[in-house]
Amino acid sequence: MTGTCETRDEAQLIASILAGETQLYHELIRPYERSVYMMALSYMKNEADAEDVAQEAFLKAFHHLATFRSEAKFSTWLVGIALNEARSRLRHEAVMRMESIDHTPEEGGHISPAILRDWSFGDRRSNHHRKCRAPAKAGANGLDQGQTIDRRFGSGT
């Protein structure tokens, strides 16, 4: 029974807010602040980012309150907005910003360093390098320096 009562109260609050009593908006969202924040935190893995997502979700819900359809639960709609905001931010973080090399600083663009990928092989390369060089060193131990140089250039003695 309380669910129907809450829905009716929410519908009345929404109608009042849309009629101009915007100070009631906090009363409307207060029961859902924690759940919106916790959902945002589960996606963002960072308290500051989760707070930003929650705040942005509350602002978007306020600005689009007139589009809320009363056949859905307000809490579901609000959490959905927060979920979309979190996903959007994660998507934008994942996209690397690329700049055209055609633009020069004189044309109003700016130059920033590129993100370079680490192409080193770490220990794998050094182990491979040692394994390959060991037989070459062993074979060259019986030669003097002149013979080694001759063999490198193909004349061989």
N, C-alpha and C. Protein backbone atom coordinates (compact mmCIF):
# COMPACT_ATOMS: atom_id res chain seq x y z
N MET A 1 0.82 -1.19 0.00
CA MET A 1 0.00 0.00 0.00
C MET A 1 0.87 1.26 0.00
N THR A 2 2.00 1.20 0.67
CA THR A 2 2.85 2.39 0.72
C THR A 2 3.44 2.71 -0.65
N GLY A 3 3.65 1.69 -1.50
CA GLY A 3 4.17 1.92 -2.84
C GLY A 3 3.24 2.80 -3.65
N THR A 4 1.94 2.54 -3.58
CA THR A 4 0.95 3.34 -4.30
C THR A 4 0.89 4.75 -3.73
N CYS A 5 0.99 4.83 -2.42
CA CYS A 5 0.97 6.12 -1.74
C CYS A 5 2.19 6.95 -2.13
N GLU A 6 3.36 6.29 -2.17
CA GLU A 6 4.60 6.97 -2.56
C GLU A 6 4.50 7.45 -4.01
N THR A 7 3.95 6.61 -4.88
CA THR A 7 3.81 6.97 -6.29
C THR A 7 2.90 8.18 -6.44
N ARG A 8 1.81 8.18 -5.66
CA ARG A 8 0.89 9.31 -5.71
C ARG A 8 1.57 10.57 -5.19
N ASP A 9 2.35 10.43 -4.10
CA ASP A 9 3.08 11.57 -3.56
C ASP A 9 4.11 12.08 -4.57
N GLU A 10 4.81 11.15 -5.22
CA GLU A 10 5.79 11.53 -6.24
C GLU A 10 5.11 12.26 -7.39
N ALA A 11 3.98 11.75 -7.82
CA ALA A 11 3.24 12.37 -8.92
C ALA A 11 2.81 13.79 -8.54
N GLN A 12 2.38 13.95 -7.30
CA GLN A 12 1.99 15.29 -6.83
C GLN A 12 3.20 16.22 -6.75
N LEU A 13 4.32 15.68 -6.25
CA LEU A 13 5.55 16.48 -6.17
C LEU A 13 6.00 16.91 -7.57
N ILE A 14 5.98 15.97 -8.50
CA ILE A 14 6.40 16.28 -9.87
C ILE A 14 5.49 17.34 -10.48
N ALA A 15 4.19 17.21 -10.28
CA ALA A 15 3.25 18.19 -10.80
C ALA A 15 3.52 19.57 -10.18
N SER A 16 3.81 19.60 -8.89
CA SER A 16 4.09 20.88 -8.22
C SER A 16 5.39 21.50 -8.73
N ILE A 17 6.41 20.66 -8.91
CA ILE A 17 7.68 21.15 -9.43
C ILE A 17 7.51 21.71 -10.83
N LEU A 18 6.77 21.00 -11.68
CA LEU A 18 6.52 21.46 -13.04
C LEU A 18 5.67 22.73 -13.06
N ALA A 19 4.87 22.93 -12.01
CA ALA A 19 4.05 24.13 -11.90
C ALA A 19 4.86 25.33 -11.41
N GLY A 20 6.12 25.10 -11.02
CA GLY A 20 6.96 26.22 -10.63
C GLY A 20 7.53 26.15 -9.23
N GLU A 21 7.13 25.17 -8.45
CA GLU A 21 7.65 25.04 -7.08
C GLU A 21 8.93 24.20 -7.09
N THR A 22 9.97 24.76 -7.68
CA THR A 22 11.21 24.02 -7.89
C THR A 22 11.92 23.66 -6.59
N GLN A 23 11.63 24.36 -5.51
CA GLN A 23 12.27 24.05 -4.23
C GLN A 23 11.88 22.66 -3.72
N LEU A 24 10.83 22.07 -4.26
CA LEU A 24 10.39 20.73 -3.85
C LEU A 24 11.21 19.62 -4.50
N TYR A 25 12.06 19.98 -5.47
CA TYR A 25 12.82 18.96 -6.19
C TYR A 25 13.70 18.14 -5.26
N HIS A 26 14.33 18.78 -4.30
CA HIS A 26 15.20 18.03 -3.38
C HIS A 26 14.39 17.03 -2.57
N GLU A 27 13.20 17.38 -2.22
CA GLU A 27 12.32 16.45 -1.49
C GLU A 27 11.99 15.23 -2.36
N LEU A 28 11.85 15.46 -3.66
CA LEU A 28 11.56 14.37 -4.60
C LEU A 28 12.74 13.41 -4.74
N ILE A 29 13.95 13.95 -4.82
CA ILE A 29 15.12 13.09 -5.08
C ILE A 29 15.78 12.57 -3.81
N ARG A 30 15.49 13.16 -2.67
CA ARG A 30 16.15 12.78 -1.41
C ARG A 30 16.15 11.26 -1.15
N PRO A 31 15.05 10.55 -1.34
CA PRO A 31 15.06 9.10 -1.06
C PRO A 31 15.98 8.30 -1.99
N TYR A 32 16.39 8.89 -3.10
CA TYR A 32 17.14 8.14 -4.10
C TYR A 32 18.61 8.59 -4.20
N GLU A 33 19.00 9.56 -3.42
CA GLU A 33 20.37 10.08 -3.50
C GLU A 33 21.40 8.97 -3.30
N ARG A 34 21.21 8.17 -2.28
CA ARG A 34 22.20 7.13 -1.98
C ARG A 34 22.25 6.06 -3.07
N SER A 35 21.09 5.62 -3.54
CA SER A 35 21.10 4.56 -4.56
C SER A 35 21.70 5.06 -5.87
N VAL A 36 21.45 6.30 -6.23
CA VAL A 36 22.04 6.87 -7.45
C VAL A 36 23.56 6.96 -7.29
N TYR A 37 24.01 7.43 -6.13
CA TYR A 37 25.45 7.54 -5.88
C TYR A 37 26.11 6.16 -5.88
N MET A 38 25.51 5.19 -5.24
CA MET A 38 26.11 3.85 -5.17
C MET A 38 26.19 3.20 -6.55
N MET A 39 25.18 3.41 -7.37
CA MET A 39 25.21 2.88 -8.73
C MET A 39 26.34 3.55 -9.51
N ALA A 40 26.46 4.86 -9.37
CA ALA A 40 27.52 5.59 -10.07
C ALA A 40 28.89 5.13 -9.57
N LEU A 41 29.04 4.91 -8.29
CA LEU A 41 30.31 4.45 -7.73
C LEU A 41 30.67 3.06 -8.24
N SER A 42 29.68 2.21 -8.41
CA SER A 42 29.96 0.86 -8.90
C SER A 42 30.50 0.90 -10.33
N TYR A 43 30.12 1.90 -11.09
CA TYR A 43 30.64 2.03 -12.45
C TYR A 43 31.94 2.80 -12.50
N MET A 44 32.02 3.91 -11.78
CA MET A 44 33.16 4.81 -11.90
C MET A 44 34.37 4.38 -11.08
N LYS A 45 34.16 3.61 -10.01
CA LYS A 45 35.25 3.12 -9.15
C LYS A 45 36.05 4.25 -8.51
N ASN A 46 35.44 5.42 -8.39
CA ASN A 46 36.12 6.58 -7.87
C ASN A 46 35.05 7.49 -7.24
N GLU A 47 35.23 7.86 -5.98
CA GLU A 47 34.20 8.62 -5.28
C GLU A 47 33.92 9.97 -5.91
N ALA A 48 34.97 10.69 -6.30
CA ALA A 48 34.77 12.02 -6.90
C ALA A 48 34.01 11.91 -8.22
N ASP A 49 34.38 10.95 -9.05
CA ASP A 49 33.68 10.78 -10.33
C ASP A 49 32.23 10.33 -10.10
N ALA A 50 32.02 9.49 -9.10
CA ALA A 50 30.66 9.03 -8.79
C ALA A 50 29.79 10.21 -8.33
N GLU A 51 30.36 11.10 -7.54
CA GLU A 51 29.62 12.29 -7.10
C GLU A 51 29.27 13.16 -8.30
N ASP A 52 30.21 13.32 -9.23
CA ASP A 52 29.95 14.11 -10.43
C ASP A 52 28.84 13.49 -11.27
N VAL A 53 28.89 12.17 -11.43
CA VAL A 53 27.86 11.47 -12.20
C VAL A 53 26.50 11.64 -11.54
N ALA A 54 26.44 11.46 -10.23
CA ALA A 54 25.17 11.59 -9.50
C ALA A 54 24.62 13.01 -9.64
N GLN A 55 25.49 13.99 -9.44
CA GLN A 55 25.04 15.38 -9.55
C GLN A 55 24.53 15.68 -10.95
N GLU A 56 25.24 15.23 -11.96
CA GLU A 56 24.81 15.46 -13.34
C GLU A 56 23.48 14.75 -13.62
N ALA A 57 23.32 13.56 -13.06
CA ALA A 57 22.06 12.83 -13.24
C ALA A 57 20.89 13.59 -12.61
N PHE A 58 21.11 14.14 -11.42
CA PHE A 58 20.04 14.91 -10.76
C PHE A 58 19.71 16.17 -11.57
N LEU A 59 20.73 16.82 -12.12
CA LEU A 59 20.48 18.01 -12.95
C LEU A 59 19.72 17.66 -14.23
N LYS A 60 20.14 16.58 -14.88
CA LYS A 60 19.46 16.17 -16.10
C LYS A 60 18.01 15.77 -15.81
N ALA A 61 17.82 15.07 -14.71
CA ALA A 61 16.45 14.68 -14.34
C ALA A 61 15.59 15.92 -14.11
N PHE A 62 16.16 16.93 -13.46
CA PHE A 62 15.41 18.17 -13.21
C PHE A 62 15.04 18.85 -14.52
N HIS A 63 16.03 18.97 -15.41
CA HIS A 63 15.79 19.66 -16.68
C HIS A 63 14.83 18.90 -17.59
N HIS A 64 14.75 17.59 -17.44
CA HIS A 64 13.89 16.78 -18.31
C HIS A 64 12.70 16.19 -17.55
N LEU A 65 12.39 16.75 -16.42
CA LEU A 65 11.29 16.23 -15.59
C LEU A 65 9.96 16.22 -16.35
N ALA A 66 9.77 17.16 -17.25
CA ALA A 66 8.53 17.21 -18.02
C ALA A 66 8.38 16.01 -18.94
N THR A 67 9.50 15.34 -19.27
CA THR A 67 9.42 14.18 -20.16
C THR A 67 9.19 12.89 -19.39
N PHE A 68 9.21 12.94 -18.06
CA PHE A 68 8.99 11.74 -17.26
C PHE A 68 7.57 11.24 -17.48
N ARG A 69 7.47 9.94 -17.79
CA ARG A 69 6.16 9.32 -17.96
C ARG A 69 5.78 8.65 -16.64
N SER A 70 4.65 8.99 -16.14
CA SER A 70 4.25 8.54 -14.80
C SER A 70 3.94 7.05 -14.72
N GLU A 71 3.85 6.34 -15.86
CA GLU A 71 3.61 4.90 -15.77
C GLU A 71 4.86 4.16 -15.30
N ALA A 72 6.03 4.81 -15.38
CA ALA A 72 7.27 4.22 -14.86
C ALA A 72 7.51 4.76 -13.45
N LYS A 73 8.34 4.04 -12.69
CA LYS A 73 8.69 4.54 -11.37
C LYS A 73 9.73 5.65 -11.53
N PHE A 74 9.61 6.69 -10.74
CA PHE A 74 10.56 7.79 -10.81
C PHE A 74 11.96 7.31 -10.49
N SER A 75 12.08 6.43 -9.51
CA SER A 75 13.41 5.93 -9.11
C SER A 75 14.09 5.19 -10.26
N THR A 76 13.33 4.41 -11.01
CA THR A 76 13.89 3.68 -12.15
C THR A 76 14.37 4.64 -13.22
N TRP A 77 13.59 5.67 -13.47
CA TRP A 77 13.94 6.68 -14.46
C TRP A 77 15.20 7.43 -14.04
N LEU A 78 15.26 7.79 -12.77
CA LEU A 78 16.40 8.55 -12.24
C LEU A 78 17.68 7.72 -12.27
N VAL A 79 17.60 6.47 -11.84
CA VAL A 79 18.78 5.60 -11.86
C VAL A 79 19.21 5.33 -13.30
N GLY A 80 18.26 5.23 -14.22
CA GLY A 80 18.59 5.05 -15.63
C GLY A 80 19.37 6.24 -16.18
N ILE A 81 19.00 7.44 -15.78
CA ILE A 81 19.73 8.64 -16.21
C ILE A 81 21.16 8.59 -15.67
N ALA A 82 21.30 8.21 -14.40
CA ALA A 82 22.64 8.11 -13.80
C ALA A 82 23.47 7.03 -14.49
N LEU A 83 22.85 5.93 -14.81
CA LEU A 83 23.54 4.84 -15.50
C LEU A 83 24.04 5.29 -16.87
N ASN A 84 23.20 5.99 -17.61
CA ASN A 84 23.60 6.50 -18.92
C ASN A 84 24.73 7.52 -18.80
N GLU A 85 24.67 8.34 -17.78
CA GLU A 85 25.72 9.35 -17.55
C GLU A 85 27.05 8.67 -17.23
N ALA A 86 27.03 7.65 -16.38
CA ALA A 86 28.26 6.92 -16.03
C ALA A 86 28.84 6.24 -17.26
N ARG A 87 28.01 5.58 -18.02
CA ARG A 87 28.48 4.90 -19.23
C ARG A 87 29.06 5.90 -20.22
N SER A 88 28.41 7.02 -20.36
CA SER A 88 28.88 8.05 -21.28
C SER A 88 30.26 8.56 -20.86
N ARG A 89 30.43 8.82 -19.59
CA ARG A 89 31.74 9.30 -19.11
C ARG A 89 32.82 8.24 -19.30
N LEU A 90 32.51 6.99 -19.05
CA LEU A 90 33.49 5.94 -19.25
C LEU A 90 33.86 5.80 -20.72
N ARG A 91 32.88 5.95 -21.60
CA ARG A 91 33.14 5.89 -23.03
C ARG A 91 34.05 7.04 -23.46
N HIS A 92 33.77 8.23 -22.95
CA HIS A 92 34.58 9.38 -23.33
C HIS A 92 36.00 9.28 -22.77
N GLU A 93 36.18 8.66 -21.63
CA GLU A 93 37.52 8.46 -21.08
C GLU A 93 38.31 7.47 -21.92
N ALA A 94 37.62 6.49 -22.48
CA ALA A 94 38.29 5.45 -23.25
C ALA A 94 38.73 5.92 -24.63
N VAL A 95 38.07 6.94 -25.15
CA VAL A 95 38.40 7.44 -26.48
C VAL A 95 39.64 8.32 -26.38
N MET A 96 40.64 7.98 -27.18
CA MET A 96 41.85 8.80 -27.21
C MET A 96 41.57 10.05 -28.02
N ARG A 97 42.00 11.16 -27.51
CA ARG A 97 41.86 12.42 -28.23
C ARG A 97 42.94 12.50 -29.30
N MET A 98 42.52 12.69 -30.52
CA MET A 98 43.48 12.80 -31.61
C MET A 98 43.36 14.18 -32.24
N GLU A 99 44.49 14.70 -32.63
CA GLU A 99 44.51 16.01 -33.26
C GLU A 99 45.12 15.87 -34.64
N SER A 100 44.66 16.69 -35.56
CA SER A 100 45.19 16.67 -36.91
C SER A 100 46.59 17.26 -36.91
N ILE A 101 47.47 16.66 -37.68
CA ILE A 101 48.81 17.22 -37.79
C ILE A 101 48.84 18.32 -38.84
N ASP A 102 47.71 18.52 -39.53
CA ASP A 102 47.63 19.57 -40.54
C ASP A 102 47.50 20.95 -39.91
N HIS A 103 46.96 21.03 -38.69
CA HIS A 103 46.79 22.31 -38.02
C HIS A 103 48.07 22.72 -37.33
N THR A 104 48.43 23.96 -37.50
CA THR A 104 49.62 24.48 -36.84
C THR A 104 49.19 25.47 -35.77
N PRO A 105 50.07 25.78 -34.82
CA PRO A 105 49.70 26.74 -33.78
C PRO A 105 49.26 28.09 -34.34
N GLU A 106 49.81 28.49 -35.50
CA GLU A 106 49.43 29.77 -36.09
C GLU A 106 47.97 29.77 -36.53
N GLU A 107 47.42 28.58 -36.85
CA GLU A 107 46.03 28.48 -37.32
C GLU A 107 45.06 28.36 -36.16
N GLY A 108 45.53 28.51 -34.97
CA GLY A 108 44.65 28.45 -33.82
C GLY A 108 44.66 27.12 -33.11
N GLY A 109 45.32 26.12 -33.69
CA GLY A 109 45.42 24.82 -33.03
C GLY A 109 46.55 24.85 -32.02
N HIS A 110 46.74 23.79 -31.31
CA HIS A 110 47.87 23.69 -30.40
C HIS A 110 48.50 22.31 -30.56
N ILE A 111 49.74 22.24 -30.25
CA ILE A 111 50.46 20.98 -30.40
C ILE A 111 50.61 20.35 -29.03
N SER A 112 50.26 19.10 -28.95
CA SER A 112 50.43 18.38 -27.69
C SER A 112 51.17 17.08 -27.98
N PRO A 113 51.89 16.58 -27.01
CA PRO A 113 52.64 15.34 -27.25
C PRO A 113 51.71 14.16 -27.48
N ALA A 114 52.16 13.25 -28.31
CA ALA A 114 51.38 12.05 -28.60
C ALA A 114 51.56 11.05 -27.47
N ILE A 115 50.60 10.19 -27.32
CA ILE A 115 50.71 9.11 -26.35
C ILE A 115 51.48 7.99 -27.03
N LEU A 116 52.63 7.68 -26.49
CA LEU A 116 53.47 6.67 -27.10
C LEU A 116 53.29 5.34 -26.39
N ARG A 117 53.28 4.31 -27.16
CA ARG A 117 53.12 2.98 -26.61
C ARG A 117 54.50 2.41 -26.30
N ASP A 118 54.60 1.66 -25.24
CA ASP A 118 55.86 1.04 -24.86
C ASP A 118 56.06 -0.19 -25.71
N TRP A 119 57.03 -0.14 -26.61
CA TRP A 119 57.28 -1.25 -27.52
C TRP A 119 58.41 -2.15 -27.03
N SER A 120 58.94 -1.87 -25.87
CA SER A 120 60.03 -2.70 -25.36
C SER A 120 59.52 -4.09 -25.01
N PHE A 121 60.42 -5.03 -25.05
CA PHE A 121 60.06 -6.41 -24.76
C PHE A 121 60.39 -6.78 -23.33
N GLY A 122 60.99 -5.86 -22.60
CA GLY A 122 61.33 -6.12 -21.21
C GLY A 122 62.31 -7.27 -21.09
N ASP A 123 62.11 -8.14 -20.10
CA ASP A 123 63.01 -9.26 -19.84
C ASP A 123 62.98 -10.28 -20.98
N ARG A 124 61.84 -10.42 -21.64
CA ARG A 124 61.72 -11.38 -22.73
C ARG A 124 62.75 -11.10 -23.81
N ARG A 125 62.92 -9.85 -24.16
CA ARG A 125 63.86 -9.49 -25.22
C ARG A 125 65.29 -9.73 -24.76
N SER A 126 65.59 -9.32 -23.54
CA SER A 126 66.97 -9.48 -23.07
C SER A 126 67.33 -10.96 -22.95
N ASN A 127 66.42 -11.81 -22.54
CA ASN A 127 66.70 -13.25 -22.48
C ASN A 127 66.91 -13.82 -23.88
N HIS A 128 66.07 -13.43 -24.80
CA HIS A 128 66.20 -13.88 -26.18
C HIS A 128 67.54 -13.42 -26.76
N HIS A 129 67.88 -12.18 -26.49
CA HIS A 129 69.12 -11.60 -26.98
C HIS A 129 70.33 -12.38 -26.45
N ARG A 130 70.30 -12.70 -25.16
CA ARG A 130 71.40 -13.47 -24.56
C ARG A 130 71.51 -14.86 -25.16
N LYS A 131 70.38 -15.51 -25.38
CA LYS A 131 70.39 -16.87 -25.94
C LYS A 131 70.96 -16.88 -27.35
N CYS A 132 70.67 -15.88 -28.15
CA CYS A 132 71.16 -15.82 -29.52
C CYS A 132 72.63 -15.44 -29.58
N ARG A 133 73.05 -14.58 -28.69
CA ARG A 133 74.44 -14.12 -28.72
C ARG A 133 75.41 -15.15 -28.15
N ALA A 134 74.95 -16.00 -27.23
CA ALA A 134 75.84 -16.97 -26.58
C ALA A 134 76.52 -17.89 -27.59
N PRO A 135 75.80 -18.53 -28.53
CA PRO A 135 76.48 -19.39 -29.50
C PRO A 135 77.43 -18.61 -30.40
N ALA A 136 77.09 -17.40 -30.74
CA ALA A 136 77.96 -16.59 -31.59
C ALA A 136 79.25 -16.27 -30.86
N LYS A 137 79.14 -15.93 -29.58
CA LYS A 137 80.36 -15.64 -28.81
C LYS A 137 81.21 -16.90 -28.66
N ALA A 138 80.57 -18.03 -28.41
CA ALA A 138 81.32 -19.28 -28.24
C ALA A 138 82.07 -19.63 -29.51
N GLY A 139 81.48 -19.44 -30.66
CA GLY A 139 82.13 -19.75 -31.93
C GLY A 139 83.24 -18.77 -32.25
N ALA A 140 83.12 -17.55 -31.79
CA ALA A 140 84.11 -16.53 -32.09
C ALA A 140 85.28 -16.54 -31.12
N ASN A 141 85.19 -17.29 -30.04
CA ASN A 141 86.26 -17.29 -29.04
C ASN A 141 87.59 -17.78 -29.60
N GLY A 142 87.58 -18.70 -30.53
CA GLY A 142 88.82 -19.24 -31.08
C GLY A 142 89.40 -18.37 -32.19
N LEU A 143 88.74 -17.30 -32.59
CA LEU A 143 89.21 -16.46 -33.69
C LEU A 143 89.81 -15.18 -33.14
N ASP A 144 90.72 -14.62 -33.88
CA ASP A 144 91.21 -13.31 -33.47
C ASP A 144 90.29 -12.26 -34.08
N GLN A 145 90.50 -11.02 -33.70
CA GLN A 145 89.58 -9.96 -34.11
C GLN A 145 89.56 -9.78 -35.63
N GLY A 146 90.65 -9.90 -36.30
CA GLY A 146 90.72 -9.73 -37.75
C GLY A 146 89.88 -10.76 -38.48
N GLN A 147 89.93 -12.01 -38.03
CA GLN A 147 89.15 -13.06 -38.68
C GLN A 147 87.66 -12.81 -38.49
N THR A 148 87.28 -12.33 -37.32
CA THR A 148 85.88 -12.05 -37.05
C THR A 148 85.37 -10.96 -37.98
N ILE A 149 86.15 -9.94 -38.16
CA ILE A 149 85.76 -8.84 -39.04
C ILE A 149 85.65 -9.34 -40.47
N ASP A 150 86.61 -10.16 -40.91
CA ASP A 150 86.55 -10.69 -42.27
C ASP A 150 85.27 -11.50 -42.48
N ARG A 151 84.91 -12.30 -41.52
CA ARG A 151 83.71 -13.12 -41.67
C ARG A 151 82.45 -12.26 -41.70
N ARG A 152 82.45 -11.20 -40.96
CA ARG A 152 81.29 -10.31 -40.96
C ARG A 152 81.07 -9.72 -42.35
N PHE A 153 82.15 -9.39 -43.01
CA PHE A 153 82.03 -8.75 -44.32
C PHE A 153 82.02 -9.76 -45.47
N GLY A 154 82.02 -11.04 -45.14
CA GLY A 154 81.87 -12.05 -46.16
C GLY A 154 83.15 -12.53 -46.81
N SER A 155 84.30 -11.95 -46.47
CA SER A 155 85.53 -12.40 -47.12
C SER A 155 86.06 -13.65 -46.46
N GLY A 156 85.85 -13.84 -45.19
CA GLY A 156 86.22 -15.03 -44.40
C GLY A 156 87.60 -15.58 -44.64
N THR A 157 88.32 -15.82 -43.59
CA THR A 157 89.64 -16.47 -43.69
C THR A 157 89.67 -17.74 -42.90
